Amino acid sequence: MKGLDMIAADALDTVIQSHGIYLIDLRSCEEYKAWHIAGAHNIPYAGFDRYSCLPRSHVLVLYCDRGAASLAKGRELAAQGFRVLSVTGGVQAYRRVKQEKKESEHG
């Protein structure tokens, strides 16, 4: 994979379990502290300009609240030569998928 690709929220857990990914939460520090996906690194979109600290050997998996910020930042990072996945629908879609799965298991 080169450049930017999208990933569905329901496929995120599988990707997270694979080696060679670097999960980035682009939301604010407050939102990250309130809830985040385990293993995510918080690099808020508003101050994200530290490309040199990102691992070029990994696929960067980006998520934000609804998906727009991760898509925009993903395009920037892809233009810098990074391999990027952006979560469609952001953390809201991911949490909705997790809730639906939980309900179907108990329903």
N, C-alpha and C. Protein backbone atom coordinates (compact mmCIF):
# COMPACT_ATOMS: atom_id res chain seq x y z
N MET A 1 0.84 -1.18 0.00
CA MET A 1 0.00 0.00 0.00
C MET A 1 0.88 1.24 0.00
N LYS A 2 0.54 2.17 -0.85
CA LYS A 2 1.23 3.46 -0.86
C LYS A 2 0.17 4.54 -0.80
N GLY A 3 0.51 5.66 -0.17
CA GLY A 3 -0.43 6.77 -0.14
C GLY A 3 -1.52 6.59 0.90
N LEU A 4 -2.73 6.99 0.53
CA LEU A 4 -3.87 7.01 1.46
C LEU A 4 -4.94 6.03 1.02
N ASP A 5 -5.43 5.25 1.96
CA ASP A 5 -6.59 4.39 1.76
C ASP A 5 -7.55 4.60 2.92
N MET A 6 -8.78 4.22 2.70
CA MET A 6 -9.80 4.30 3.74
C MET A 6 -9.99 2.91 4.35
N ILE A 7 -10.40 2.88 5.60
CA ILE A 7 -10.71 1.62 6.27
C ILE A 7 -12.05 1.78 6.98
N ALA A 8 -12.89 0.77 6.84
CA ALA A 8 -14.20 0.79 7.51
C ALA A 8 -14.00 0.59 9.00
N ALA A 9 -14.87 1.21 9.78
CA ALA A 9 -14.77 1.11 11.24
C ALA A 9 -14.85 -0.32 11.72
N ASP A 10 -15.64 -1.16 11.03
CA ASP A 10 -15.78 -2.55 11.47
C ASP A 10 -14.56 -3.42 11.16
N ALA A 11 -13.62 -2.89 10.39
CA ALA A 11 -12.38 -3.62 10.08
C ALA A 11 -11.21 -3.14 10.94
N LEU A 12 -11.43 -2.11 11.73
CA LEU A 12 -10.33 -1.50 12.48
C LEU A 12 -9.68 -2.44 13.50
N ASP A 13 -10.46 -3.20 14.23
CA ASP A 13 -9.88 -4.11 15.23
C ASP A 13 -8.91 -5.10 14.60
N THR A 14 -9.24 -5.60 13.43
CA THR A 14 -8.35 -6.54 12.74
C THR A 14 -7.05 -5.86 12.37
N VAL A 15 -7.13 -4.64 11.87
CA VAL A 15 -5.93 -3.89 11.49
C VAL A 15 -5.08 -3.57 12.71
N ILE A 16 -5.71 -3.18 13.81
CA ILE A 16 -4.99 -2.84 15.04
C ILE A 16 -4.17 -4.02 15.54
N GLN A 17 -4.67 -5.23 15.36
CA GLN A 17 -3.97 -6.43 15.82
C GLN A 17 -2.77 -6.80 14.97
N SER A 18 -2.67 -6.22 13.79
CA SER A 18 -1.55 -6.55 12.92
C SER A 18 -0.31 -5.76 13.32
N HIS A 19 0.82 -6.28 12.96
CA HIS A 19 2.09 -5.60 13.26
C HIS A 19 2.35 -4.52 12.22
N GLY A 20 3.12 -3.54 12.59
CA GLY A 20 3.52 -2.52 11.63
C GLY A 20 2.54 -1.39 11.44
N ILE A 21 1.65 -1.20 12.43
CA ILE A 21 0.76 -0.05 12.34
C ILE A 21 1.05 0.91 13.50
N TYR A 22 0.73 2.17 13.28
CA TYR A 22 0.91 3.21 14.29
C TYR A 22 -0.42 3.96 14.33
N LEU A 23 -1.19 3.74 15.39
CA LEU A 23 -2.54 4.28 15.53
C LEU A 23 -2.49 5.68 16.12
N ILE A 24 -3.11 6.65 15.43
CA ILE A 24 -3.08 8.05 15.85
C ILE A 24 -4.49 8.59 16.03
N ASP A 25 -4.76 9.12 17.22
CA ASP A 25 -6.01 9.79 17.55
C ASP A 25 -5.78 11.29 17.34
N LEU A 26 -6.48 11.87 16.39
CA LEU A 26 -6.29 13.28 16.04
C LEU A 26 -7.17 14.23 16.85
N ARG A 27 -7.95 13.70 17.76
CA ARG A 27 -8.85 14.55 18.55
C ARG A 27 -8.07 15.31 19.62
N SER A 28 -8.74 16.22 20.30
CA SER A 28 -8.09 17.03 21.34
C SER A 28 -7.63 16.14 22.50
N CYS A 29 -6.72 16.68 23.29
CA CYS A 29 -6.23 15.94 24.47
C CYS A 29 -7.37 15.58 25.41
N GLU A 30 -8.33 16.49 25.55
CA GLU A 30 -9.47 16.26 26.44
C GLU A 30 -10.33 15.10 25.93
N GLU A 31 -10.59 15.09 24.63
CA GLU A 31 -11.38 14.00 24.05
C GLU A 31 -10.65 12.67 24.18
N TYR A 32 -9.34 12.70 23.95
CA TYR A 32 -8.52 11.49 24.07
C TYR A 32 -8.56 10.96 25.50
N LYS A 33 -8.43 11.84 26.49
CA LYS A 33 -8.45 11.42 27.89
C LYS A 33 -9.80 10.85 28.28
N ALA A 34 -10.87 11.38 27.71
CA ALA A 34 -12.22 10.90 28.03
C ALA A 34 -12.46 9.49 27.50
N TRP A 35 -11.94 9.20 26.30
CA TRP A 35 -12.07 7.87 25.71
C TRP A 35 -11.21 7.80 24.46
N HIS A 36 -10.50 6.71 24.31
CA HIS A 36 -9.73 6.48 23.09
C HIS A 36 -9.57 4.99 22.85
N ILE A 37 -9.17 4.65 21.65
CA ILE A 37 -8.94 3.26 21.30
C ILE A 37 -7.60 2.84 21.91
N ALA A 38 -7.59 1.70 22.56
CA ALA A 38 -6.38 1.21 23.21
C ALA A 38 -5.21 1.16 22.23
N GLY A 39 -4.07 1.68 22.67
CA GLY A 39 -2.87 1.68 21.85
C GLY A 39 -2.69 2.91 20.99
N ALA A 40 -3.68 3.80 20.99
CA ALA A 40 -3.60 5.00 20.15
C ALA A 40 -2.66 6.04 20.76
N HIS A 41 -1.98 6.75 19.89
CA HIS A 41 -1.13 7.88 20.27
C HIS A 41 -1.93 9.15 19.98
N ASN A 42 -1.99 10.05 20.95
CA ASN A 42 -2.74 11.29 20.75
C ASN A 42 -1.85 12.36 20.16
N ILE A 43 -2.14 12.73 18.92
CA ILE A 43 -1.47 13.84 18.26
C ILE A 43 -2.58 14.72 17.69
N PRO A 44 -3.04 15.71 18.46
CA PRO A 44 -4.18 16.51 18.03
C PRO A 44 -3.97 17.18 16.66
N TYR A 45 -5.02 17.17 15.87
CA TYR A 45 -5.00 17.73 14.53
C TYR A 45 -4.53 19.19 14.55
N ALA A 46 -5.00 19.94 15.53
CA ALA A 46 -4.71 21.38 15.59
C ALA A 46 -3.22 21.70 15.61
N GLY A 47 -2.41 20.86 16.23
CA GLY A 47 -0.99 21.14 16.33
C GLY A 47 -0.11 20.12 15.65
N PHE A 48 -0.70 19.38 14.72
CA PHE A 48 0.01 18.27 14.09
C PHE A 48 0.94 18.78 13.00
N ASP A 49 2.22 18.90 13.34
CA ASP A 49 3.20 19.31 12.33
C ASP A 49 4.54 18.62 12.55
N ARG A 50 4.52 17.55 13.35
CA ARG A 50 5.76 16.85 13.70
C ARG A 50 5.92 15.59 12.89
N TYR A 51 6.03 15.71 11.59
CA TYR A 51 6.15 14.54 10.74
C TYR A 51 7.41 13.73 11.03
N SER A 52 8.46 14.39 11.47
CA SER A 52 9.74 13.70 11.67
C SER A 52 9.68 12.65 12.78
N CYS A 53 8.72 12.78 13.71
CA CYS A 53 8.64 11.81 14.81
C CYS A 53 7.81 10.58 14.44
N LEU A 54 7.22 10.57 13.26
CA LEU A 54 6.37 9.45 12.87
C LEU A 54 7.20 8.33 12.22
N PRO A 55 6.87 7.10 12.52
CA PRO A 55 7.63 5.97 11.96
C PRO A 55 7.28 5.72 10.49
N ARG A 56 8.23 5.91 9.62
CA ARG A 56 7.99 5.70 8.19
C ARG A 56 7.89 4.21 7.85
N SER A 57 8.36 3.36 8.75
CA SER A 57 8.31 1.91 8.51
C SER A 57 6.93 1.32 8.83
N HIS A 58 6.03 2.13 9.39
CA HIS A 58 4.71 1.66 9.78
C HIS A 58 3.63 2.28 8.89
N VAL A 59 2.49 1.61 8.86
CA VAL A 59 1.29 2.20 8.26
C VAL A 59 0.65 3.05 9.34
N LEU A 60 0.39 4.31 9.05
CA LEU A 60 -0.26 5.21 10.00
C LEU A 60 -1.76 5.03 9.88
N VAL A 61 -2.42 4.72 10.98
CA VAL A 61 -3.87 4.57 11.01
C VAL A 61 -4.41 5.76 11.78
N LEU A 62 -5.16 6.62 11.08
CA LEU A 62 -5.65 7.86 11.67
C LEU A 62 -7.14 7.79 11.95
N TYR A 63 -7.53 8.35 13.10
CA TYR A 63 -8.95 8.54 13.35
C TYR A 63 -9.18 9.85 14.07
N CYS A 64 -10.37 10.40 13.85
CA CYS A 64 -10.80 11.64 14.51
C CYS A 64 -12.22 11.38 14.99
N ASP A 65 -13.01 12.41 15.14
CA ASP A 65 -14.36 12.22 15.64
C ASP A 65 -15.28 11.61 14.59
N ARG A 66 -15.32 12.22 13.39
CA ARG A 66 -16.26 11.76 12.36
C ARG A 66 -15.60 11.36 11.05
N GLY A 67 -14.30 11.55 10.91
CA GLY A 67 -13.60 11.09 9.72
C GLY A 67 -13.04 12.17 8.81
N ALA A 68 -13.55 13.40 8.92
CA ALA A 68 -13.10 14.46 8.01
C ALA A 68 -11.67 14.91 8.29
N ALA A 69 -11.33 15.09 9.55
CA ALA A 69 -9.97 15.54 9.90
C ALA A 69 -8.94 14.46 9.58
N SER A 70 -9.28 13.20 9.83
CA SER A 70 -8.31 12.13 9.53
C SER A 70 -8.11 12.00 8.02
N LEU A 71 -9.13 12.24 7.24
CA LEU A 71 -8.99 12.20 5.78
C LEU A 71 -8.10 13.34 5.31
N ALA A 72 -8.32 14.55 5.83
CA ALA A 72 -7.50 15.70 5.44
C ALA A 72 -6.04 15.50 5.84
N LYS A 73 -5.81 15.06 7.07
CA LYS A 73 -4.43 14.85 7.54
C LYS A 73 -3.80 13.67 6.80
N GLY A 74 -4.60 12.67 6.50
CA GLY A 74 -4.10 11.53 5.73
C GLY A 74 -3.59 11.94 4.36
N ARG A 75 -4.29 12.85 3.72
CA ARG A 75 -3.84 13.35 2.41
C ARG A 75 -2.50 14.06 2.54
N GLU A 76 -2.36 14.87 3.59
CA GLU A 76 -1.09 15.58 3.83
C GLU A 76 0.05 14.59 4.05
N LEU A 77 -0.20 13.61 4.89
CA LEU A 77 0.84 12.63 5.22
C LEU A 77 1.20 11.76 4.01
N ALA A 78 0.21 11.39 3.22
CA ALA A 78 0.48 10.62 2.01
C ALA A 78 1.35 11.43 1.05
N ALA A 79 1.09 12.72 0.97
CA ALA A 79 1.90 13.59 0.11
C ALA A 79 3.34 13.68 0.60
N GLN A 80 3.55 13.43 1.90
CA GLN A 80 4.90 13.42 2.48
C GLN A 80 5.56 12.05 2.37
N GLY A 81 4.87 11.10 1.76
CA GLY A 81 5.45 9.78 1.53
C GLY A 81 5.07 8.70 2.54
N PHE A 82 4.15 9.01 3.45
CA PHE A 82 3.71 8.02 4.43
C PHE A 82 2.63 7.13 3.84
N ARG A 83 2.53 5.92 4.38
CA ARG A 83 1.43 5.01 4.06
C ARG A 83 0.37 5.23 5.13
N VAL A 84 -0.85 5.55 4.72
CA VAL A 84 -1.88 5.99 5.66
C VAL A 84 -3.21 5.28 5.41
N LEU A 85 -3.87 4.92 6.52
CA LEU A 85 -5.26 4.47 6.51
C LEU A 85 -6.06 5.46 7.34
N SER A 86 -7.19 5.89 6.82
CA SER A 86 -8.09 6.80 7.54
C SER A 86 -9.38 6.05 7.84
N VAL A 87 -9.85 6.12 9.08
CA VAL A 87 -11.05 5.39 9.49
C VAL A 87 -12.29 6.16 9.02
N THR A 88 -13.06 5.52 8.15
CA THR A 88 -14.30 6.11 7.64
C THR A 88 -15.29 6.29 8.79
N GLY A 89 -15.77 7.51 8.96
CA GLY A 89 -16.74 7.79 10.02
C GLY A 89 -16.12 8.06 11.37
N GLY A 90 -14.81 7.91 11.49
CA GLY A 90 -14.09 8.24 12.72
C GLY A 90 -14.47 7.38 13.92
N VAL A 91 -14.18 7.93 15.08
CA VAL A 91 -14.40 7.19 16.32
C VAL A 91 -15.90 7.01 16.58
N GLN A 92 -16.72 7.90 16.06
CA GLN A 92 -18.17 7.72 16.24
C GLN A 92 -18.64 6.44 15.55
N ALA A 93 -18.18 6.21 14.33
CA ALA A 93 -18.54 4.98 13.62
C ALA A 93 -17.97 3.75 14.33
N TYR A 94 -16.74 3.86 14.82
CA TYR A 94 -16.10 2.74 15.51
C TYR A 94 -16.89 2.38 16.78
N ARG A 95 -17.26 3.37 17.55
CA ARG A 95 -18.02 3.10 18.78
C ARG A 95 -19.40 2.53 18.47
N ARG A 96 -20.02 3.00 17.39
CA ARG A 96 -21.32 2.49 16.99
C ARG A 96 -21.21 1.00 16.60
N VAL A 97 -20.17 0.65 15.85
CA VAL A 97 -19.94 -0.74 15.46
C VAL A 97 -19.73 -1.61 16.70
N LYS A 98 -18.94 -1.12 17.64
CA LYS A 98 -18.67 -1.89 18.87
C LYS A 98 -19.96 -2.09 19.67
N GLN A 99 -20.79 -1.05 19.74
CA GLN A 99 -22.05 -1.15 20.48
C GLN A 99 -23.00 -2.14 19.81
N GLU A 100 -23.09 -2.07 18.47
CA GLU A 100 -23.95 -3.00 17.74
C GLU A 100 -23.49 -4.43 17.92
N LYS A 101 -22.19 -4.64 17.91
CA LYS A 101 -21.64 -5.99 18.11
C LYS A 101 -21.98 -6.50 19.52
N LYS A 102 -21.82 -5.64 20.50
CA LYS A 102 -22.11 -6.00 21.89
C LYS A 102 -23.59 -6.37 22.05
N GLU A 103 -24.46 -5.56 21.43
CA GLU A 103 -25.89 -5.82 21.52
C GLU A 103 -26.27 -7.13 20.83
N SER A 104 -25.65 -7.43 19.69
CA SER A 104 -25.97 -8.66 18.98
C SER A 104 -25.47 -9.89 19.74
N GLU A 105 -24.40 -9.74 20.48
CA GLU A 105 -23.89 -10.87 21.29
C GLU A 105 -24.78 -11.15 22.49
N HIS A 106 -25.44 -10.11 23.01
CA HIS A 106 -26.27 -10.26 24.20
C HIS A 106 -27.77 -10.30 23.87
N GLY A 107 -28.08 -10.13 22.58
CA GLY A 107 -29.46 -9.95 22.20
C GLY A 107 -30.18 -11.18 21.89
